[in-house]
Amino acid sequence: MGMYTELFISARIVDDKKVISILKYMIREIEEPPELPSHDLFKLADRWQHMLIGSSYYFVPRSVHLLEYDNIGRYWCFINRSDFKNYDNEIELFIDWIRPYLRDRDGDMFAYSRYEESKEPTIYFCEER
């Protein structure tokens, strides 16, 4: 049956139309799938499309998301909480795909994941540039 993994993201994202359209599609703000990059995340058939909206009763039983443009900072604020079965390492692939587009400072925490049976989360930091 498999175990669930919670994913929480709180990040500032550069104003890149392709990246933002993919995120909007993933959180169901738009219905038409955008042009996808060749990253391994998007080779996972349908699994990548549902990871940011999944939820279960093993965690908070609702996914929550906010994707909003900040006119002063000229970046996108992205907050998301979801949980799903991370069968194909979707979380690690998503983190790898989104990291280059973050506006956060080097070394800042921007996300965590927590496996259903784990007491400690896995914390994700911005890359050193």
N, C-alpha and C. Protein backbone atom coordinates (compact mmCIF):
# COMPACT_ATOMS: atom_id res chain seq x y z
N MET A 1 0.82 -1.19 0.00
CA MET A 1 0.00 0.00 0.00
C MET A 1 0.87 1.26 0.00
N GLY A 2 1.94 1.31 0.76
CA GLY A 2 2.84 2.45 0.73
C GLY A 2 2.55 3.47 1.80
N MET A 3 3.56 4.25 2.10
CA MET A 3 3.48 5.28 3.13
C MET A 3 3.44 6.66 2.48
N TYR A 4 2.88 7.60 3.23
CA TYR A 4 2.78 8.98 2.75
C TYR A 4 3.97 9.81 3.23
N THR A 5 4.30 10.82 2.45
CA THR A 5 5.34 11.78 2.80
C THR A 5 4.75 13.17 2.64
N GLU A 6 4.93 13.98 3.67
CA GLU A 6 4.47 15.37 3.63
C GLU A 6 5.56 16.23 3.01
N LEU A 7 5.15 17.20 2.20
CA LEU A 7 6.07 18.16 1.61
C LEU A 7 5.57 19.56 1.93
N PHE A 8 6.43 20.38 2.52
CA PHE A 8 6.11 21.78 2.80
C PHE A 8 7.16 22.64 2.14
N ILE A 9 6.71 23.66 1.39
CA ILE A 9 7.60 24.57 0.68
C ILE A 9 7.20 26.00 1.02
N SER A 10 8.19 26.83 1.28
CA SER A 10 7.98 28.27 1.47
C SER A 10 9.16 28.97 0.82
N ALA A 11 8.93 29.54 -0.37
CA ALA A 11 10.06 30.06 -1.14
C ALA A 11 9.66 31.28 -1.97
N ARG A 12 10.68 32.02 -2.33
CA ARG A 12 10.54 33.12 -3.29
C ARG A 12 11.14 32.63 -4.60
N ILE A 13 10.39 32.79 -5.68
CA ILE A 13 10.80 32.23 -6.97
C ILE A 13 10.96 33.37 -7.97
N VAL A 14 11.99 33.27 -8.80
CA VAL A 14 12.23 34.29 -9.82
C VAL A 14 11.04 34.37 -10.77
N ASP A 15 10.91 35.50 -11.41
CA ASP A 15 9.80 35.73 -12.33
C ASP A 15 10.11 35.10 -13.69
N ASP A 16 9.95 33.79 -13.76
CA ASP A 16 10.20 33.02 -14.98
C ASP A 16 8.86 32.44 -15.43
N LYS A 17 8.36 32.89 -16.58
CA LYS A 17 7.01 32.51 -17.03
C LYS A 17 6.83 31.00 -17.16
N LYS A 18 7.84 30.30 -17.64
CA LYS A 18 7.72 28.85 -17.82
C LYS A 18 7.60 28.14 -16.47
N VAL A 19 8.43 28.53 -15.52
CA VAL A 19 8.41 27.91 -14.19
C VAL A 19 7.08 28.20 -13.50
N ILE A 20 6.64 29.44 -13.55
CA ILE A 20 5.38 29.82 -12.90
C ILE A 20 4.20 29.11 -13.55
N SER A 21 4.20 28.96 -14.85
CA SER A 21 3.09 28.25 -15.50
C SER A 21 3.06 26.77 -15.09
N ILE A 22 4.23 26.16 -14.90
CA ILE A 22 4.27 24.77 -14.44
C ILE A 22 3.71 24.68 -13.02
N LEU A 23 4.13 25.59 -12.13
CA LEU A 23 3.61 25.58 -10.76
C LEU A 23 2.10 25.83 -10.75
N LYS A 24 1.63 26.77 -11.57
CA LYS A 24 0.18 27.03 -11.64
C LYS A 24 -0.57 25.79 -12.10
N TYR A 25 -0.01 25.08 -13.05
CA TYR A 25 -0.63 23.83 -13.51
C TYR A 25 -0.63 22.79 -12.39
N MET A 26 0.46 22.69 -11.66
CA MET A 26 0.57 21.68 -10.60
C MET A 26 -0.38 21.94 -9.43
N ILE A 27 -0.73 23.21 -9.18
CA ILE A 27 -1.67 23.51 -8.10
C ILE A 27 -3.07 23.78 -8.63
N ARG A 28 -3.28 23.52 -9.90
CA ARG A 28 -4.58 23.60 -10.55
C ARG A 28 -5.12 25.02 -10.72
N GLU A 29 -4.24 25.98 -10.85
CA GLU A 29 -4.68 27.34 -11.18
C GLU A 29 -4.95 27.48 -12.66
N ILE A 30 -4.31 26.64 -13.47
CA ILE A 30 -4.58 26.60 -14.90
C ILE A 30 -4.81 25.14 -15.29
N GLU A 31 -5.59 24.94 -16.34
CA GLU A 31 -5.94 23.57 -16.75
C GLU A 31 -5.09 23.03 -17.88
N GLU A 32 -4.55 23.92 -18.69
CA GLU A 32 -3.78 23.50 -19.84
C GLU A 32 -2.33 23.23 -19.44
N PRO A 33 -1.80 22.04 -19.68
CA PRO A 33 -0.41 21.77 -19.31
C PRO A 33 0.55 22.63 -20.14
N PRO A 34 1.51 23.26 -19.48
CA PRO A 34 2.47 24.10 -20.20
C PRO A 34 3.55 23.26 -20.88
N GLU A 35 4.37 23.93 -21.66
CA GLU A 35 5.53 23.26 -22.26
C GLU A 35 6.47 22.86 -21.13
N LEU A 36 6.91 21.63 -21.15
CA LEU A 36 7.73 21.11 -20.05
C LEU A 36 9.20 21.03 -20.43
N PRO A 37 10.07 21.30 -19.46
CA PRO A 37 11.51 21.14 -19.71
C PRO A 37 11.85 19.65 -19.73
N SER A 38 13.09 19.35 -20.04
CA SER A 38 13.50 17.94 -20.16
C SER A 38 13.94 17.34 -18.82
N HIS A 39 13.67 18.00 -17.72
CA HIS A 39 14.06 17.51 -16.39
C HIS A 39 13.40 16.17 -16.09
N ASP A 40 14.09 15.31 -15.32
CA ASP A 40 13.59 13.97 -14.98
C ASP A 40 12.24 14.00 -14.25
N LEU A 41 11.95 15.06 -13.51
CA LEU A 41 10.67 15.15 -12.81
C LEU A 41 9.50 14.97 -13.76
N PHE A 42 9.59 15.53 -14.94
CA PHE A 42 8.47 15.53 -15.87
C PHE A 42 8.41 14.28 -16.73
N LYS A 43 9.27 13.31 -16.43
CA LYS A 43 9.24 12.03 -17.13
C LYS A 43 8.51 10.97 -16.30
N LEU A 44 7.92 11.38 -15.18
CA LEU A 44 7.25 10.45 -14.27
C LEU A 44 5.77 10.25 -14.60
N ALA A 45 5.45 10.23 -15.85
CA ALA A 45 4.05 10.07 -16.29
C ALA A 45 3.18 11.12 -15.59
N ASP A 46 2.14 10.68 -14.90
CA ASP A 46 1.22 11.62 -14.25
C ASP A 46 1.61 11.97 -12.82
N ARG A 47 2.55 11.28 -12.23
CA ARG A 47 2.82 11.45 -10.80
C ARG A 47 3.22 12.88 -10.43
N TRP A 48 4.01 13.55 -11.23
CA TRP A 48 4.45 14.91 -10.91
C TRP A 48 3.27 15.88 -10.91
N GLN A 49 2.25 15.59 -11.69
CA GLN A 49 1.11 16.50 -11.84
C GLN A 49 0.25 16.59 -10.59
N HIS A 50 0.33 15.60 -9.72
CA HIS A 50 -0.56 15.54 -8.56
C HIS A 50 0.14 15.77 -7.22
N MET A 51 1.45 15.87 -7.25
CA MET A 51 2.20 15.90 -5.99
C MET A 51 1.93 17.14 -5.13
N LEU A 52 1.59 18.27 -5.71
CA LEU A 52 1.38 19.48 -4.92
C LEU A 52 -0.07 19.67 -4.48
N ILE A 53 -0.94 18.74 -4.85
CA ILE A 53 -2.34 18.85 -4.42
C ILE A 53 -2.80 17.63 -3.63
N GLY A 54 -1.92 16.66 -3.42
CA GLY A 54 -2.28 15.44 -2.70
C GLY A 54 -2.43 15.67 -1.21
N SER A 55 -3.31 14.88 -0.60
CA SER A 55 -3.48 14.93 0.86
C SER A 55 -4.05 13.61 1.36
N SER A 56 -3.81 13.34 2.64
CA SER A 56 -4.30 12.12 3.27
C SER A 56 -4.60 12.41 4.72
N TYR A 57 -5.16 11.45 5.42
CA TYR A 57 -5.44 11.63 6.83
C TYR A 57 -4.26 11.24 7.72
N TYR A 58 -3.12 10.91 7.12
CA TYR A 58 -1.92 10.64 7.91
C TYR A 58 -1.26 11.95 8.35
N PHE A 59 -1.58 13.03 7.64
CA PHE A 59 -1.10 14.37 7.97
C PHE A 59 -2.33 15.27 7.98
N VAL A 60 -2.14 16.57 7.87
CA VAL A 60 -3.28 17.48 7.75
C VAL A 60 -4.06 17.06 6.50
N PRO A 61 -5.35 16.80 6.60
CA PRO A 61 -6.07 16.21 5.47
C PRO A 61 -6.44 17.19 4.34
N ARG A 62 -5.64 18.20 4.14
CA ARG A 62 -5.88 19.16 3.06
C ARG A 62 -4.54 19.63 2.51
N SER A 63 -4.48 19.78 1.20
CA SER A 63 -3.32 20.45 0.62
C SER A 63 -3.63 21.95 0.61
N VAL A 64 -2.59 22.73 0.75
CA VAL A 64 -2.76 24.19 0.81
C VAL A 64 -1.68 24.80 -0.08
N HIS A 65 -2.04 25.80 -0.84
CA HIS A 65 -1.03 26.44 -1.68
C HIS A 65 -1.35 27.91 -1.93
N LEU A 66 -0.29 28.64 -2.11
CA LEU A 66 -0.36 30.06 -2.45
C LEU A 66 0.75 30.34 -3.45
N LEU A 67 0.39 30.95 -4.54
CA LEU A 67 1.36 31.39 -5.54
C LEU A 67 0.95 32.80 -5.93
N GLU A 68 1.75 33.77 -5.49
CA GLU A 68 1.36 35.17 -5.62
C GLU A 68 2.57 36.02 -5.98
N TYR A 69 2.36 36.97 -6.89
CA TYR A 69 3.46 37.84 -7.31
C TYR A 69 3.63 38.99 -6.34
N ASP A 70 4.89 39.28 -5.98
CA ASP A 70 5.22 40.41 -5.12
C ASP A 70 5.74 41.54 -6.01
N ASN A 71 4.94 42.59 -6.18
CA ASN A 71 5.30 43.71 -7.06
C ASN A 71 6.52 44.48 -6.56
N ILE A 72 6.72 44.56 -5.27
CA ILE A 72 7.85 45.30 -4.73
C ILE A 72 9.14 44.51 -4.93
N GLY A 73 9.14 43.25 -4.54
CA GLY A 73 10.35 42.43 -4.67
C GLY A 73 10.56 41.88 -6.06
N ARG A 74 9.52 41.90 -6.90
CA ARG A 74 9.56 41.36 -8.27
C ARG A 74 9.93 39.89 -8.30
N TYR A 75 9.26 39.13 -7.45
CA TYR A 75 9.40 37.68 -7.43
C TYR A 75 8.06 37.08 -7.06
N TRP A 76 7.97 35.77 -7.14
CA TRP A 76 6.75 35.04 -6.79
C TRP A 76 6.92 34.42 -5.41
N CYS A 77 5.93 34.56 -4.56
CA CYS A 77 5.89 33.87 -3.27
C CYS A 77 5.18 32.55 -3.50
N PHE A 78 5.80 31.47 -3.07
CA PHE A 78 5.21 30.15 -3.24
C PHE A 78 5.21 29.42 -1.91
N ILE A 79 4.03 29.06 -1.47
CA ILE A 79 3.87 28.27 -0.25
C ILE A 79 2.99 27.08 -0.59
N ASN A 80 3.41 25.90 -0.19
CA ASN A 80 2.64 24.70 -0.50
C ASN A 80 2.82 23.66 0.59
N ARG A 81 1.72 22.98 0.96
CA ARG A 81 1.75 21.85 1.86
C ARG A 81 0.90 20.77 1.24
N SER A 82 1.50 19.62 1.05
CA SER A 82 0.79 18.48 0.49
C SER A 82 1.41 17.20 1.04
N ASP A 83 0.74 16.10 0.83
CA ASP A 83 1.35 14.81 1.14
C ASP A 83 0.86 13.78 0.14
N PHE A 84 1.73 12.83 -0.14
CA PHE A 84 1.47 11.83 -1.18
C PHE A 84 2.48 10.71 -1.01
N LYS A 85 2.31 9.67 -1.79
CA LYS A 85 3.25 8.54 -1.77
C LYS A 85 4.40 8.85 -2.73
N ASN A 86 5.55 9.05 -2.17
CA ASN A 86 6.74 9.49 -2.90
C ASN A 86 7.45 8.30 -3.56
N TYR A 87 6.70 7.51 -4.31
CA TYR A 87 7.20 6.27 -4.88
C TYR A 87 8.41 6.45 -5.80
N ASP A 88 8.36 7.48 -6.62
CA ASP A 88 9.40 7.67 -7.64
C ASP A 88 10.34 8.82 -7.31
N ASN A 89 10.49 9.12 -6.01
CA ASN A 89 11.35 10.22 -5.56
C ASN A 89 10.95 11.56 -6.16
N GLU A 90 9.63 11.76 -6.28
CA GLU A 90 9.13 13.01 -6.82
C GLU A 90 9.64 14.22 -6.03
N ILE A 91 9.72 14.09 -4.72
CA ILE A 91 10.16 15.21 -3.90
C ILE A 91 11.59 15.61 -4.25
N GLU A 92 12.47 14.66 -4.30
CA GLU A 92 13.87 14.96 -4.61
C GLU A 92 14.00 15.55 -6.01
N LEU A 93 13.23 15.03 -6.95
CA LEU A 93 13.27 15.55 -8.32
C LEU A 93 12.68 16.96 -8.38
N PHE A 94 11.60 17.21 -7.65
CA PHE A 94 11.00 18.54 -7.62
C PHE A 94 12.00 19.54 -7.03
N ILE A 95 12.64 19.17 -5.92
CA ILE A 95 13.63 20.05 -5.28
C ILE A 95 14.76 20.36 -6.25
N ASP A 96 15.25 19.36 -6.94
CA ASP A 96 16.32 19.54 -7.91
C ASP A 96 15.89 20.48 -9.04
N TRP A 97 14.64 20.35 -9.49
CA TRP A 97 14.14 21.20 -10.58
C TRP A 97 13.94 22.65 -10.12
N ILE A 98 13.38 22.88 -8.94
CA ILE A 98 13.00 24.23 -8.52
C ILE A 98 14.17 25.04 -7.94
N ARG A 99 15.17 24.39 -7.38
CA ARG A 99 16.28 25.10 -6.72
C ARG A 99 16.92 26.23 -7.55
N PRO A 100 17.21 26.01 -8.82
CA PRO A 100 17.86 27.10 -9.59
C PRO A 100 16.98 28.35 -9.76
N TYR A 101 15.70 28.23 -9.49
CA TYR A 101 14.78 29.35 -9.68
C TYR A 101 14.43 30.07 -8.38
N LEU A 102 15.07 29.72 -7.31
CA LEU A 102 14.77 30.33 -6.02
C LEU A 102 15.48 31.68 -5.88
N ARG A 103 14.79 32.62 -5.24
CA ARG A 103 15.37 33.94 -4.95
C ARG A 103 15.90 33.99 -3.53
N ASP A 104 15.71 32.96 -2.77
CA ASP A 104 16.15 32.96 -1.37
C ASP A 104 17.67 32.96 -1.30
N ARG A 105 18.18 33.29 -0.13
CA ARG A 105 19.63 33.39 0.06
C ARG A 105 20.27 32.00 0.14
N ASP A 106 21.53 31.96 -0.25
CA ASP A 106 22.30 30.72 -0.17
C ASP A 106 22.23 30.15 1.24
N GLY A 107 21.97 28.88 1.33
CA GLY A 107 21.95 28.21 2.62
C GLY A 107 20.65 28.33 3.39
N ASP A 108 19.70 29.15 2.93
CA ASP A 108 18.41 29.27 3.63
C ASP A 108 17.55 28.03 3.42
N MET A 109 16.85 27.64 4.46
CA MET A 109 15.89 26.54 4.35
C MET A 109 14.70 27.03 3.53
N PHE A 110 14.22 26.20 2.60
CA PHE A 110 13.03 26.57 1.84
C PHE A 110 11.97 25.48 1.81
N ALA A 111 12.31 24.28 2.29
CA ALA A 111 11.33 23.20 2.25
C ALA A 111 11.72 22.10 3.23
N TYR A 112 10.74 21.28 3.56
CA TYR A 112 11.04 20.05 4.30
C TYR A 112 10.08 18.98 3.83
N SER A 113 10.50 17.74 4.02
CA SER A 113 9.62 16.60 3.79
C SER A 113 9.67 15.73 5.03
N ARG A 114 8.58 15.04 5.28
CA ARG A 114 8.52 14.17 6.46
C ARG A 114 7.77 12.90 6.10
N TYR A 115 8.48 11.80 6.18
CA TYR A 115 7.93 10.48 5.91
C TYR A 115 6.97 10.10 7.05
N GLU A 116 5.92 9.42 6.72
CA GLU A 116 4.86 9.07 7.67
C GLU A 116 5.37 8.46 8.98
N GLU A 117 6.36 7.61 8.92
CA GLU A 117 6.84 6.93 10.13
C GLU A 117 8.08 7.58 10.74
N SER A 118 8.49 8.72 10.21
CA SER A 118 9.69 9.39 10.73
C SER A 118 9.33 10.48 11.73
N LYS A 119 10.17 10.62 12.73
CA LYS A 119 9.99 11.70 13.69
C LYS A 119 10.71 12.96 13.23
N GLU A 120 11.77 12.80 12.46
CA GLU A 120 12.59 13.92 12.00
C GLU A 120 12.33 14.18 10.52
N PRO A 121 12.21 15.46 10.15
CA PRO A 121 12.02 15.78 8.73
C PRO A 121 13.35 15.82 7.98
N THR A 122 13.26 15.78 6.67
CA THR A 122 14.39 16.07 5.81
C THR A 122 14.26 17.54 5.42
N ILE A 123 15.30 18.31 5.66
CA ILE A 123 15.25 19.75 5.40
C ILE A 123 16.03 20.05 4.12
N TYR A 124 15.46 20.94 3.30
CA TYR A 124 16.08 21.33 2.04
C TYR A 124 16.49 22.79 2.10
N PHE A 125 17.72 23.05 1.66
CA PHE A 125 18.29 24.39 1.69
C PHE A 125 18.56 24.87 0.28
N CYS A 126 18.63 26.19 0.13
CA CYS A 126 19.01 26.79 -1.15
C CYS A 126 20.46 26.43 -1.43
N GLU A 127 20.77 26.31 -2.70
CA GLU A 127 22.13 25.96 -3.09
C GLU A 127 23.08 27.13 -2.87
N GLU A 128 24.32 26.79 -2.60
CA GLU A 128 25.37 27.79 -2.58
C GLU A 128 25.69 28.14 -4.03
N ARG A 129 25.80 29.40 -4.34
CA ARG A 129 26.07 29.80 -5.73
C ARG A 129 27.46 30.33 -5.90
